[in-house]
Protein backbone atom coordinates (compact mmCIF):
# COMPACT_ATOMS: atom_id res chain seq x y z
CA MET A 1 87.00 241.98 36.34
CA ASN A 2 88.84 244.62 38.93
CA ARG A 3 87.20 247.51 41.04
CA SER A 4 86.95 249.69 38.49
CA HIS A 5 84.80 247.65 36.10
CA SER A 6 82.65 246.58 38.66
CA LEU A 7 81.84 250.05 39.64
CA LEU A 8 81.12 250.25 35.92
CA GLY A 9 78.73 247.41 35.66
CA VAL A 10 76.83 248.30 38.29
CA HIS A 11 76.22 251.54 37.40
CA ALA A 12 75.05 250.21 34.28
CA ALA A 13 72.90 248.18 35.52
CA THR A 14 71.29 250.44 37.61
CA VAL A 15 71.04 252.91 34.47
CA LEU A 16 69.37 249.90 33.19
CA PHE A 17 66.79 250.14 35.97
CA GLY A 18 66.33 253.48 35.92
CA LEU A 19 65.52 253.43 32.26
CA ALA A 20 62.32 250.28 32.59
CA GLY A 21 60.27 252.84 34.07
CA LEU A 22 60.20 254.66 30.53
CA PHE A 23 58.50 251.39 28.99
CA GLY A 24 55.43 251.84 30.34
CA LYS A 25 54.86 254.49 28.48
CA TRP A 26 56.27 253.71 24.98
CA LEU A 27 54.22 250.47 25.54
CA ALA A 28 50.26 251.02 24.73
CA LEU A 29 50.00 247.85 26.67
CA SER A 30 47.91 246.74 29.79
CA PRO A 31 50.83 246.55 32.94
CA LEU A 32 49.97 243.05 32.74
CA LEU A 33 50.71 242.20 29.22
CA ILE A 34 53.88 244.17 29.66
CA VAL A 35 55.07 242.51 32.44
CA LEU A 36 54.24 239.54 30.77
CA GLY A 37 56.11 240.00 28.22
CA ARG A 38 58.87 241.21 30.36
CA VAL A 39 59.27 237.94 32.32
CA VAL A 40 59.00 235.61 29.41
CA PHE A 41 61.91 237.46 27.46
CA ALA A 42 63.91 237.53 31.27
CA ALA A 43 63.71 233.95 31.36
CA ALA A 44 64.52 232.89 28.18
CA ALA A 45 67.76 235.16 28.07
CA LEU A 46 68.56 233.69 31.68
CA ALA A 47 68.01 230.38 30.26
CA LEU A 48 70.86 230.89 28.14
CA ILE A 49 73.14 232.85 30.71
CA ILE A 50 72.66 230.97 33.44
CA PRO A 51 74.59 227.49 31.78
CA LEU A 52 77.62 229.98 30.41
CA ALA A 53 77.95 231.30 33.43
CA GLY A 54 78.68 227.13 34.46
CA ARG A 55 75.61 226.99 36.66
CA ARG A 56 72.54 224.41 37.28
CA PHE A 57 68.56 224.60 37.26
CA THR A 58 69.29 221.97 40.10
CA VAL A 59 65.94 222.86 42.87
CA ARG A 60 66.23 221.12 46.33
CA GLY A 61 62.91 219.94 47.31
CA LYS A 62 60.14 220.87 47.63
CA ARG A 63 60.01 223.66 49.94
CA ASP A 64 62.47 225.49 47.81
CA ALA A 65 60.21 224.74 44.78
CA GLY A 66 57.34 226.11 46.69
CA ALA A 67 59.23 229.14 47.71
CA PHE A 68 60.26 230.06 44.03
CA LEU A 69 56.20 229.36 43.40
CA LEU A 70 55.73 232.45 46.25
CA GLN A 71 58.12 234.79 45.11
CA GLY A 72 57.21 234.25 41.20
CA ALA A 73 53.49 235.42 42.56
CA ILE A 74 55.13 238.19 44.48
CA LEU A 75 57.17 239.87 41.43
CA ALA A 76 54.36 239.34 39.16
CA VAL A 77 52.29 241.70 41.64
CA HIS A 78 55.21 243.91 41.89
CA TRP A 79 55.74 245.04 38.59
CA VAL A 80 51.82 245.50 37.20
CA LEU A 81 51.65 247.73 40.38
CA PHE A 82 54.84 249.85 39.01
CA PHE A 83 53.95 249.63 35.91
CA GLU A 84 50.07 250.64 36.69
CA SER A 85 51.46 253.83 39.13
CA ILE A 86 53.41 255.43 36.01
CA ARG A 87 50.33 254.50 33.72
CA VAL A 88 48.00 256.51 35.71
CA SER A 89 51.19 259.33 36.90
CA THR A 90 54.34 259.85 35.85
CA VAL A 91 57.92 257.96 35.45
CA ALA A 92 58.93 260.41 38.36
CA ILE A 93 56.02 259.55 40.46
CA GLY A 94 55.76 255.64 40.01
CA LEU A 95 59.78 255.70 40.77
CA LEU A 96 60.17 257.91 43.91
CA ALA A 97 56.92 255.96 45.31
CA TYR A 98 58.53 252.33 44.75
CA SER A 99 61.66 253.17 45.69
CA SER A 100 60.38 253.83 49.33
CA PHE A 101 60.93 249.92 50.02
CA PRO A 102 63.54 250.29 52.61
CA VAL A 103 60.78 251.97 54.70
CA PHE A 104 58.69 248.55 54.54
CA THR A 105 61.97 246.54 54.82
CA ALA A 106 62.74 248.30 58.36
CA PHE A 107 59.00 247.12 59.10
CA LEU A 108 58.72 243.82 57.69
CA GLU A 109 62.33 242.54 58.73
CA PRO A 110 61.44 242.66 62.56
CA ALA A 111 58.59 240.37 61.77
CA PHE A 112 60.57 238.05 59.90
CA PHE A 113 63.91 237.77 61.75
CA ARG A 114 62.52 238.63 65.28
CA THR A 115 64.72 242.03 65.37
CA ARG A 116 63.48 244.96 67.57
CA LEU A 117 62.81 248.02 64.93
CA SER A 118 65.57 250.41 66.23
CA ARG A 119 63.94 254.18 66.64
CA LEU A 120 66.66 255.35 63.89
CA HIS A 121 64.89 253.45 61.38
CA LEU A 122 61.95 254.76 62.36
CA GLY A 123 62.33 257.97 62.52
CA LEU A 124 64.18 258.07 58.67
CA SER A 125 60.89 256.28 57.66
CA LEU A 126 58.79 259.17 58.74
CA VAL A 127 60.90 261.31 57.18
CA CYS A 128 60.05 259.25 53.68
CA LEU A 129 56.59 259.31 54.44
CA ALA A 130 56.67 263.10 54.82
CA GLY A 131 58.65 262.96 51.45
CA ILE A 132 55.83 261.00 49.77
CA PHE A 133 52.83 263.43 51.37
CA LEU A 134 54.43 266.41 50.25
CA ILE A 135 54.66 264.43 46.60
CA VAL A 136 50.62 264.67 46.64
CA PRO A 137 48.45 267.40 46.18
CA ARG A 138 45.75 266.34 46.62
CA PHE A 139 44.22 263.15 48.78
CA ASP A 140 41.52 262.58 46.55
CA TRP A 141 41.21 259.24 44.20
CA SER A 142 40.51 261.26 41.31
CA GLU A 143 43.97 262.64 41.69
CA GLN A 144 46.02 261.06 39.27
CA ILE A 145 49.27 261.34 41.36
CA PHE A 146 47.32 260.47 44.28
CA ARG A 147 46.79 257.32 42.60
CA GLY A 148 50.07 256.63 41.33
CA VAL A 149 51.99 257.21 44.77
CA LEU A 150 49.42 254.75 46.42
CA LEU A 151 50.16 251.99 43.30
CA GLY A 152 53.85 252.51 43.67
CA LEU A 153 53.84 252.10 47.35
CA GLY A 154 52.52 249.05 46.55
CA ALA A 155 55.25 248.32 44.43
CA GLY A 156 57.47 249.39 46.98
CA ALA A 157 56.07 246.68 49.41
CA THR A 158 55.79 244.01 47.49
CA PHE A 159 59.59 244.50 46.30
CA ALA A 160 60.45 244.63 50.10
CA LEU A 161 58.60 241.14 51.04
CA LEU A 162 60.32 239.97 47.81
CA SER A 163 63.79 241.15 48.59
CA ILE A 164 63.37 239.47 52.70
CA LEU A 165 62.54 236.08 50.68
CA ASN A 166 64.87 236.05 48.73
CA ARG A 167 68.00 236.58 51.42
CA LYS A 168 66.96 232.84 52.55
CA LEU A 169 67.05 231.48 49.02
CA SER A 170 70.41 233.34 48.16
CA PHE A 171 72.76 231.42 50.60
CA ARG A 172 72.02 227.85 48.29
CA TYR A 173 71.22 229.21 44.80
CA ALA A 174 73.20 231.66 42.44
CA SER A 175 71.22 234.81 41.71
CA PRO A 176 70.47 234.37 38.22
CA VAL A 177 69.19 231.06 39.09
CA VAL A 178 67.30 232.73 41.95
CA ALA A 179 65.92 235.28 38.90
CA PHE A 180 65.48 232.81 36.70
CA TYR A 181 62.59 231.01 38.75
CA GLN A 182 60.89 233.69 39.56
CA ASP A 183 60.46 235.30 36.08
CA ALA A 184 59.39 232.28 35.19
CA PHE A 185 56.30 231.66 37.84
CA ALA A 186 55.94 235.19 37.32
CA ALA A 187 55.19 234.30 33.56
CA LEU A 188 52.98 231.16 34.55
CA PHE A 189 50.99 233.15 37.05
CA LEU A 190 50.66 236.23 34.09
CA LEU A 191 49.51 234.05 31.62
CA PRO A 192 46.05 232.89 32.26
CA ALA A 193 45.28 236.45 33.36
CA ALA A 194 46.36 237.46 29.95
CA PHE A 195 43.50 235.58 28.75
CA LEU A 196 41.02 237.51 30.07
CA LEU A 197 42.10 240.70 28.98
CA PRO A 198 40.25 241.98 25.95
CA PRO A 199 41.32 240.98 22.54
CA PHE A 200 44.54 242.84 21.59
CA ALA A 201 47.31 242.38 18.81
CA LEU A 202 51.06 243.55 19.34
CA SER A 203 53.00 245.12 16.41
CA GLY A 204 56.47 244.80 15.63
CA ARG A 205 57.49 247.31 17.99
CA ASP A 206 55.33 245.83 20.52
CA ILE A 207 57.73 243.23 20.86
CA LEU A 208 60.86 244.69 20.26
CA LEU A 209 60.32 247.02 23.15
CA LEU A 210 59.01 244.16 25.39
CA ALA A 211 62.25 242.07 24.33
CA ALA A 212 64.61 244.88 25.23
CA LEU A 213 62.81 245.10 28.55
CA GLY A 214 62.98 241.69 29.27
CA ILE A 215 66.89 241.07 27.71
CA VAL A 216 68.37 243.91 28.58
CA CYS A 217 66.77 246.35 31.47
CA THR A 218 66.35 242.87 33.33
CA ALA A 219 68.27 239.98 32.34
CA ALA A 220 71.46 241.67 31.29
CA ALA A 221 71.26 244.44 34.42
CA HIS A 222 70.71 242.08 36.89
CA THR A 223 73.48 239.82 35.30
CA LEU A 224 75.67 243.30 35.22
CA PHE A 225 74.82 243.93 38.70
CA ILE A 226 75.52 240.46 40.40
CA ALA A 227 78.76 240.34 38.50
CA GLY A 228 79.95 243.82 39.94
CA MET A 229 78.96 243.22 43.35
CA ARG A 230 82.26 240.82 43.57
CA HIS A 231 84.26 243.94 44.58
CA LEU A 232 82.21 246.00 45.60
CA SER A 233 80.99 246.27 49.49
CA ALA A 234 77.05 246.11 50.07
CA GLN A 235 76.78 249.57 51.07
CA THR A 236 78.98 251.10 47.78
CA ALA A 237 76.26 248.74 45.66
CA SER A 238 73.34 250.38 47.91
CA ILE A 239 74.06 253.89 47.43
CA ILE A 240 74.55 253.49 43.50
CA SER A 241 71.28 252.19 43.80
CA ALA A 242 69.49 254.46 45.49
CA LEU A 243 70.57 256.81 41.93
CA GLU A 244 68.23 254.66 40.40
CA PRO A 245 64.90 256.95 40.38
CA VAL A 246 67.18 259.73 39.57
CA TYR A 247 68.53 258.54 36.17
CA GLY A 248 64.68 257.04 35.28
CA MET A 249 63.79 260.78 35.84
CA LEU A 250 66.41 261.88 33.89
CA PHE A 251 66.07 259.69 30.99
CA ALA A 252 61.79 261.05 31.23
CA ARG A 253 62.73 263.91 31.02
CA LEU A 254 64.90 263.64 27.42
CA PHE A 255 63.12 261.03 26.14
CA LEU A 256 59.35 261.72 27.11
CA GLY A 257 59.36 265.40 27.65
CA GLU A 258 58.33 264.95 31.29
CA ARG A 259 59.07 267.92 34.00
CA PRO A 260 58.78 267.11 37.70
CA SER A 261 56.95 270.35 39.44
CA LEU A 262 59.14 271.61 41.89
CA ARG A 263 56.69 269.59 43.97
CA THR A 264 58.10 266.21 42.86
CA LEU A 265 61.61 267.63 43.21
CA ALA A 266 61.09 268.54 46.48
CA GLY A 267 59.49 265.23 47.87
CA GLY A 268 61.74 263.31 45.90
CA ALA A 269 64.94 264.96 47.74
CA VAL A 270 63.52 264.21 51.30
CA ILE A 271 62.30 260.69 49.94
CA LEU A 272 65.69 259.80 48.74
CA THR A 273 68.17 261.01 51.70
CA ALA A 274 66.16 259.01 53.78
CA VAL A 275 66.24 256.12 51.36
CA ALA A 276 69.94 256.36 51.18
CA ALA A 277 70.09 256.52 54.89
CA LEU A 278 67.71 253.78 55.61
CA SER A 279 69.40 251.44 53.07
CA PHE A 280 73.26 252.42 54.63
CA LEU A 281 72.07 251.39 57.76
CA ASN A 282 70.68 247.99 56.43
CA LEU A 283 73.50 247.07 55.18
CA ARG A 284 76.05 248.45 57.70
CA LYS A 285 77.17 244.84 58.72
CA GLU A 286 78.48 244.65 55.06
CA GLN A 287 75.84 241.57 54.19
CA PRO A 288 75.87 240.66 50.74
CA LEU A 289 73.06 242.39 48.74
CA ALA A 290 69.92 239.97 48.22
CA PRO A 291 69.16 239.23 44.90
CA ARG A 292 66.76 241.63 43.05
CA PRO A 293 64.73 241.96 40.28
CA GLY A 294 64.86 245.69 39.51
CA PRO A 295 62.05 247.73 39.09
């Protein structure tokens, strides 16, 4: 795979990550069920991909097993919050609020790695928060956009935590292996909760959509993203990843007829500008991107 193919692969993965948000509208299911279906299909697909790539499933010790277990729980919460955000508001609101995760990363990293929070990081974080405030028309729980933003921020915070925890494992395990265990443990956490929901029935359409979400928009997208990283810098991949909400909003306009308001577009522009700058600063040392589950 040369640089051109790598660029194409990372772009394709970002498009698929952006498309994933639409399943929150296409599927008339509880976000918990959507995520359960997603991780089951994703784990099954990765279980086939990993041996073909010459990787092993071996876990090195109880400590790493515990770390995978914790990450699975965080991933489950992250995706449930993400799809609930989209369910109560719009795809644009959910994606833009979630895309604030570099802000949380900027504050969490000093706590985990005992580094100082720079003033520039703090300033860009405040700019991002200003964009989020611009999106919300009224700070009232009865306001759908407000609820969607809060849930999306929760998704961003849990993704930031997951990304930081991933870094410690990414040096010892291949990224698809990390993703497999995260998906598998997330399924184990969500399965008992599914029995607490009211009775439900999955149609053939539901199963096909869940399979597409898990296999194409999760397992395949993750594989493309990691493969594309072989010939790209972390900065380049990060900048491409920042297009994820843009692709998601374009797909929502095309397939769902969602039309973001001028307030949402203005706030989104502020958020994405600050997020792109934060991502660039976080990766300025050409560090490899940690394994990511996508939105």
